[in-house]
């Protein structure tokens, strides 16, 4: 699980830096 989640977290982190609006999108994916 960690091996899969880590890259996703890294990608989401980059998206959050690029667009603050992606926070809601990221939460939707996690949910």
C-alpha atoms as a PDB file:
ATOM      1  CA  UNK A   1       0.000   0.000   0.000  1.00  0.00           C
ATOM      2  CA  UNK A   2       2.724   2.465   0.965  1.00  0.00           C
ATOM      3  CA  UNK A   3       4.501   1.889  -2.341  1.00  0.00           C
ATOM      4  CA  UNK A   4       1.321   2.840  -4.170  1.00  0.00           C
ATOM      5  CA  UNK A   5       0.190   5.704  -1.946  1.00  0.00           C
ATOM      6  CA  UNK A   6       3.546   7.480  -1.810  1.00  0.00           C
ATOM      7  CA  UNK A   7       3.674   8.402  -5.527  1.00  0.00           C
ATOM      8  CA  UNK A   8       0.021   9.463  -5.413  1.00  0.00           C
ATOM      9  CA  UNK A   9       0.703  11.733  -2.430  1.00  0.00           C
ATOM     10  CA  UNK A  10       3.683  13.219  -4.263  1.00  0.00           C
ATOM     11  CA  UNK A  11       1.576  13.905  -7.365  1.00  0.00           C
ATOM     12  CA  UNK A  12      -1.259  15.399  -5.319  1.00  0.00           C
ATOM     13  CA  UNK A  13       1.258  17.551  -3.462  1.00  0.00           C
ATOM     14  CA  UNK A  14       2.550  18.914  -6.756  1.00  0.00           C
ATOM     15  CA  UNK A  15      -1.004  19.581  -7.928  1.00  0.00           C
ATOM     16  CA  UNK A  16      -1.798  21.441  -4.700  1.00  0.00           C
ATOM     17  CA  UNK A  17       1.255  23.644  -5.261  1.00  0.00           C
ATOM     18  CA  UNK A  18       0.198  24.272  -8.864  1.00  0.00           C
ATOM     19  CA  UNK A  19      -3.511  24.881  -8.181  1.00  0.00           C
ATOM     20  CA  UNK A  20      -4.968  25.360  -4.676  1.00  0.00           C
ATOM     21  CA  UNK A  21      -8.371  24.469  -6.157  1.00  0.00           C
ATOM     22  CA  UNK A  22      -7.222  20.883  -6.641  1.00  0.00           C
ATOM     23  CA  UNK A  23      -7.548  20.334  -2.881  1.00  0.00           C
ATOM     24  CA  UNK A  24     -11.257  19.533  -3.313  1.00  0.00           C
ATOM     25  CA  UNK A  25     -10.432  17.315  -6.299  1.00  0.00           C
ATOM     26  CA  UNK A  26      -7.813  15.430  -4.279  1.00  0.00           C
ATOM     27  CA  UNK A  27     -10.215  14.928  -1.386  1.00  0.00           C
ATOM     28  CA  UNK A  28     -12.784  13.520  -3.816  1.00  0.00           C
ATOM     29  CA  UNK A  29     -10.244  11.004  -5.148  1.00  0.00           C
ATOM     30  CA  UNK A  30      -9.180   9.973  -1.629  1.00  0.00           C
ATOM     31  CA  UNK A  31     -12.803   9.588  -0.550  1.00  0.00           C
END
